[in-house]
Amino acid sequence: MKETAKYYKDNPKAKAKKDTYQKEYNKKPEQVKKRVELNKANRKSHKNGTSSVGDGKDQSHTKNGMVLKPQSVNRGSKKDAPGDVRARGKKK
């Protein structure tokens, strides 16, 4: 279990606060639009045979446009988009 997961497991109030923030953030029109775009691209790639449902691959927004990646790599990408880097803060 990673550090963040351990922290939220031990601090339910912090987890509730984070979940409340995420719920509001995910409602934002730009986030809904992004999610809809990725879902549409995932359906299209599965339909066209580039990948199949359940193959463990997802579409990802990157600097170079949309790319098909393994789901495990796509979660928490550190380099693909400026937002990923900014979300993690400055190096210590």
N, C-alpha and C. Protein backbone atom coordinates (compact mmCIF):
# COMPACT_ATOMS: atom_id res chain seq x y z
N MET A 1 0.85 -1.18 0.00
CA MET A 1 0.00 0.00 0.00
C MET A 1 0.90 1.25 0.00
N LYS A 2 0.59 2.18 -0.86
CA LYS A 2 1.38 3.41 -0.98
C LYS A 2 1.11 4.35 0.19
N GLU A 3 1.98 5.35 0.32
CA GLU A 3 1.90 6.31 1.44
C GLU A 3 0.54 7.01 1.52
N THR A 4 0.06 7.49 0.36
CA THR A 4 -1.20 8.23 0.35
C THR A 4 -2.36 7.33 0.79
N ALA A 5 -2.38 6.11 0.29
CA ALA A 5 -3.44 5.18 0.66
C ALA A 5 -3.43 4.89 2.15
N LYS A 6 -2.23 4.73 2.70
CA LYS A 6 -2.11 4.50 4.14
C LYS A 6 -2.63 5.70 4.93
N TYR A 7 -2.26 6.90 4.47
CA TYR A 7 -2.69 8.12 5.15
C TYR A 7 -4.21 8.21 5.19
N TYR A 8 -4.85 8.02 4.03
CA TYR A 8 -6.31 8.15 3.98
C TYR A 8 -7.00 7.02 4.76
N LYS A 9 -6.37 5.86 4.83
CA LYS A 9 -6.94 4.76 5.61
C LYS A 9 -6.93 5.12 7.10
N ASP A 10 -5.85 5.77 7.53
CA ASP A 10 -5.71 6.14 8.93
C ASP A 10 -6.43 7.44 9.31
N ASN A 11 -6.84 8.24 8.31
CA ASN A 11 -7.47 9.54 8.55
C ASN A 11 -8.77 9.67 7.76
N PRO A 12 -9.85 9.09 8.28
CA PRO A 12 -11.11 9.09 7.54
C PRO A 12 -11.67 10.49 7.28
N LYS A 13 -11.39 11.45 8.18
CA LYS A 13 -11.89 12.82 7.95
C LYS A 13 -11.20 13.43 6.73
N ALA A 14 -9.91 13.19 6.61
CA ALA A 14 -9.16 13.71 5.46
C ALA A 14 -9.67 13.06 4.17
N LYS A 15 -9.96 11.76 4.22
CA LYS A 15 -10.49 11.04 3.05
C LYS A 15 -11.84 11.61 2.64
N ALA A 16 -12.69 11.89 3.63
CA ALA A 16 -14.01 12.46 3.34
C ALA A 16 -13.87 13.85 2.70
N LYS A 17 -12.92 14.64 3.20
CA LYS A 17 -12.69 15.97 2.65
C LYS A 17 -12.21 15.88 1.20
N LYS A 18 -11.29 14.95 0.95
CA LYS A 18 -10.76 14.74 -0.41
C LYS A 18 -11.88 14.29 -1.34
N ASP A 19 -12.71 13.35 -0.90
CA ASP A 19 -13.80 12.84 -1.72
C ASP A 19 -14.80 13.94 -2.07
N THR A 20 -15.08 14.83 -1.11
CA THR A 20 -15.98 15.96 -1.35
C THR A 20 -15.40 16.87 -2.42
N TYR A 21 -14.12 17.17 -2.31
CA TYR A 21 -13.45 18.01 -3.30
C TYR A 21 -13.49 17.35 -4.68
N GLN A 22 -13.15 16.06 -4.75
CA GLN A 22 -13.12 15.35 -6.03
C GLN A 22 -14.51 15.32 -6.68
N LYS A 23 -15.54 15.16 -5.86
CA LYS A 23 -16.90 15.12 -6.39
C LYS A 23 -17.24 16.43 -7.08
N GLU A 24 -16.87 17.55 -6.46
CA GLU A 24 -17.12 18.87 -7.04
C GLU A 24 -16.24 19.09 -8.28
N TYR A 25 -14.99 18.70 -8.20
CA TYR A 25 -14.05 18.89 -9.31
C TYR A 25 -14.50 18.11 -10.54
N ASN A 26 -14.96 16.88 -10.34
CA ASN A 26 -15.38 16.04 -11.46
C ASN A 26 -16.67 16.50 -12.11
N LYS A 27 -17.42 17.40 -11.45
CA LYS A 27 -18.64 17.97 -12.02
C LYS A 27 -18.36 19.11 -12.98
N LYS A 28 -17.15 19.68 -12.91
CA LYS A 28 -16.82 20.84 -13.74
C LYS A 28 -16.99 20.50 -15.22
N PRO A 29 -17.56 21.43 -16.00
CA PRO A 29 -17.82 21.16 -17.41
C PRO A 29 -16.58 20.70 -18.19
N GLU A 30 -15.42 21.28 -17.90
CA GLU A 30 -14.23 20.86 -18.66
C GLU A 30 -13.82 19.43 -18.31
N GLN A 31 -14.05 19.00 -17.07
CA GLN A 31 -13.72 17.63 -16.68
C GLN A 31 -14.71 16.64 -17.27
N VAL A 32 -15.98 17.03 -17.30
CA VAL A 32 -17.01 16.17 -17.90
C VAL A 32 -16.70 16.01 -19.38
N LYS A 33 -16.36 17.11 -20.04
CA LYS A 33 -16.04 17.08 -21.48
C LYS A 33 -14.85 16.15 -21.75
N LYS A 34 -13.81 16.27 -20.93
CA LYS A 34 -12.62 15.44 -21.09
C LYS A 34 -12.96 13.96 -20.92
N ARG A 35 -13.76 13.66 -19.90
CA ARG A 35 -14.15 12.27 -19.62
C ARG A 35 -14.99 11.70 -20.76
N VAL A 36 -15.92 12.51 -21.27
CA VAL A 36 -16.77 12.08 -22.38
C VAL A 36 -15.91 11.79 -23.61
N GLU A 37 -14.95 12.67 -23.88
CA GLU A 37 -14.06 12.50 -25.02
C GLU A 37 -13.25 11.20 -24.91
N LEU A 38 -12.71 10.92 -23.73
CA LEU A 38 -11.93 9.70 -23.54
C LEU A 38 -12.81 8.45 -23.66
N ASN A 39 -13.99 8.50 -23.08
CA ASN A 39 -14.90 7.35 -23.17
C ASN A 39 -15.28 7.06 -24.61
N LYS A 40 -15.54 8.12 -25.36
CA LYS A 40 -15.90 7.97 -26.77
C LYS A 40 -14.74 7.36 -27.55
N ALA A 41 -13.53 7.84 -27.30
CA ALA A 41 -12.34 7.31 -27.98
C ALA A 41 -12.10 5.86 -27.60
N ASN A 42 -12.31 5.52 -26.32
CA ASN A 42 -12.15 4.12 -25.89
C ASN A 42 -13.13 3.21 -26.61
N ARG A 43 -14.39 3.64 -26.70
CA ARG A 43 -15.40 2.83 -27.39
C ARG A 43 -15.03 2.65 -28.86
N LYS A 44 -14.58 3.74 -29.48
CA LYS A 44 -14.23 3.69 -30.91
C LYS A 44 -13.05 2.75 -31.14
N SER A 45 -12.01 2.84 -30.32
CA SER A 45 -10.84 1.97 -30.52
C SER A 45 -11.20 0.50 -30.30
N HIS A 46 -12.08 0.23 -29.35
CA HIS A 46 -12.51 -1.16 -29.12
C HIS A 46 -13.33 -1.66 -30.30
N LYS A 47 -14.18 -0.80 -30.85
CA LYS A 47 -15.05 -1.17 -31.96
C LYS A 47 -14.22 -1.43 -33.23
N ASN A 48 -13.18 -0.63 -33.45
CA ASN A 48 -12.37 -0.74 -34.66
C ASN A 48 -11.33 -1.85 -34.58
N GLY A 49 -11.25 -2.52 -33.47
CA GLY A 49 -10.34 -3.64 -33.37
C GLY A 49 -8.93 -3.30 -32.94
N THR A 50 -8.64 -2.01 -32.65
CA THR A 50 -7.30 -1.67 -32.19
C THR A 50 -7.06 -2.23 -30.81
N SER A 51 -8.12 -2.45 -30.08
CA SER A 51 -8.02 -3.11 -28.79
C SER A 51 -9.40 -3.67 -28.47
N SER A 52 -9.46 -4.53 -27.50
CA SER A 52 -10.75 -5.10 -27.15
C SER A 52 -11.12 -4.73 -25.72
N VAL A 53 -12.39 -4.77 -25.44
CA VAL A 53 -12.87 -4.45 -24.09
C VAL A 53 -12.24 -5.46 -23.13
N GLY A 54 -11.72 -4.96 -22.02
CA GLY A 54 -11.12 -5.85 -21.04
C GLY A 54 -9.67 -6.18 -21.32
N ASP A 55 -9.06 -5.50 -22.30
CA ASP A 55 -7.66 -5.78 -22.62
C ASP A 55 -6.70 -4.98 -21.74
N GLY A 56 -7.25 -4.14 -20.84
CA GLY A 56 -6.42 -3.38 -19.92
C GLY A 56 -5.83 -2.12 -20.52
N LYS A 57 -6.40 -1.64 -21.63
CA LYS A 57 -5.88 -0.42 -22.26
C LYS A 57 -6.91 0.70 -22.21
N ASP A 58 -6.40 1.94 -22.15
CA ASP A 58 -7.22 3.14 -22.07
C ASP A 58 -6.67 4.20 -23.00
N GLN A 59 -7.52 5.12 -23.42
CA GLN A 59 -7.06 6.31 -24.12
C GLN A 59 -6.54 7.28 -23.08
N SER A 60 -5.49 8.01 -23.43
CA SER A 60 -4.91 8.97 -22.50
C SER A 60 -4.66 10.28 -23.22
N HIS A 61 -4.97 11.41 -22.54
CA HIS A 61 -4.61 12.72 -23.08
C HIS A 61 -3.14 12.95 -22.80
N THR A 62 -2.37 13.23 -23.84
CA THR A 62 -0.96 13.52 -23.67
C THR A 62 -0.62 14.79 -24.44
N LYS A 63 0.63 15.23 -24.36
CA LYS A 63 1.07 16.40 -25.13
C LYS A 63 0.92 16.14 -26.62
N ASN A 64 1.02 14.87 -27.02
CA ASN A 64 0.96 14.49 -28.43
C ASN A 64 -0.44 14.07 -28.86
N GLY A 65 -1.46 14.41 -28.10
CA GLY A 65 -2.83 14.04 -28.43
C GLY A 65 -3.26 12.81 -27.65
N MET A 66 -4.23 12.08 -28.20
CA MET A 66 -4.77 10.91 -27.51
C MET A 66 -3.94 9.68 -27.89
N VAL A 67 -3.58 8.91 -26.86
CA VAL A 67 -2.73 7.74 -27.06
C VAL A 67 -3.34 6.56 -26.30
N LEU A 68 -3.26 5.38 -26.89
CA LEU A 68 -3.72 4.17 -26.22
C LEU A 68 -2.61 3.66 -25.31
N LYS A 69 -2.91 3.50 -24.02
CA LYS A 69 -1.91 3.07 -23.03
C LYS A 69 -2.49 2.00 -22.14
N PRO A 70 -1.63 1.22 -21.51
CA PRO A 70 -2.13 0.30 -20.47
C PRO A 70 -2.74 1.11 -19.32
N GLN A 71 -3.81 0.62 -18.74
CA GLN A 71 -4.49 1.34 -17.65
C GLN A 71 -3.55 1.63 -16.50
N SER A 72 -2.69 0.67 -16.16
CA SER A 72 -1.80 0.84 -15.02
C SER A 72 -0.83 1.99 -15.24
N VAL A 73 -0.40 2.20 -16.48
CA VAL A 73 0.52 3.29 -16.79
C VAL A 73 -0.22 4.62 -16.83
N ASN A 74 -1.47 4.57 -17.27
CA ASN A 74 -2.27 5.78 -17.44
C ASN A 74 -2.67 6.40 -16.11
N ARG A 75 -2.71 5.62 -15.04
CA ARG A 75 -3.11 6.14 -13.74
C ARG A 75 -1.95 6.91 -13.11
N GLY A 76 -2.11 8.21 -12.98
CA GLY A 76 -1.08 9.01 -12.33
C GLY A 76 0.16 9.21 -13.16
N SER A 77 -0.01 9.41 -14.47
CA SER A 77 1.15 9.68 -15.32
C SER A 77 1.86 10.92 -14.80
N LYS A 78 3.16 10.89 -14.74
CA LYS A 78 3.90 12.01 -14.18
C LYS A 78 4.44 12.96 -15.24
N LYS A 79 4.48 12.55 -16.52
CA LYS A 79 5.14 13.36 -17.52
C LYS A 79 4.26 13.75 -18.70
N ASP A 80 3.14 13.08 -18.91
CA ASP A 80 2.40 13.24 -20.15
C ASP A 80 1.69 14.56 -20.33
N ALA A 81 1.23 15.17 -19.25
CA ALA A 81 0.47 16.40 -19.38
C ALA A 81 0.94 17.39 -18.33
N PRO A 82 0.93 18.68 -18.67
CA PRO A 82 1.38 19.68 -17.72
C PRO A 82 0.62 19.60 -16.39
N GLY A 83 -0.65 19.29 -16.44
CA GLY A 83 -1.45 19.21 -15.22
C GLY A 83 -0.95 18.13 -14.28
N ASP A 84 -0.44 17.03 -14.85
CA ASP A 84 0.08 15.94 -14.02
C ASP A 84 1.26 16.43 -13.18
N VAL A 85 2.15 17.20 -13.81
CA VAL A 85 3.33 17.70 -13.11
C VAL A 85 2.93 18.74 -12.07
N ARG A 86 2.06 19.67 -12.46
CA ARG A 86 1.64 20.73 -11.53
C ARG A 86 0.91 20.16 -10.32
N ALA A 87 0.15 19.12 -10.50
CA ALA A 87 -0.62 18.55 -9.41
C ALA A 87 0.27 17.98 -8.31
N ARG A 88 1.49 17.63 -8.66
CA ARG A 88 2.38 17.02 -7.69
C ARG A 88 3.26 18.03 -6.96
N GLY A 89 3.19 19.29 -7.33
CA GLY A 89 3.97 20.32 -6.64
C GLY A 89 5.41 20.35 -7.08
N LYS A 90 6.16 21.23 -6.45
CA LYS A 90 7.58 21.42 -6.80
C LYS A 90 8.43 20.35 -6.15
N LYS A 91 9.59 20.08 -6.76
CA LYS A 91 10.54 19.13 -6.16
C LYS A 91 11.14 19.73 -4.92
N LYS A 92 11.44 18.90 -3.96
CA LYS A 92 12.01 19.37 -2.69
C LYS A 92 13.52 19.42 -2.78
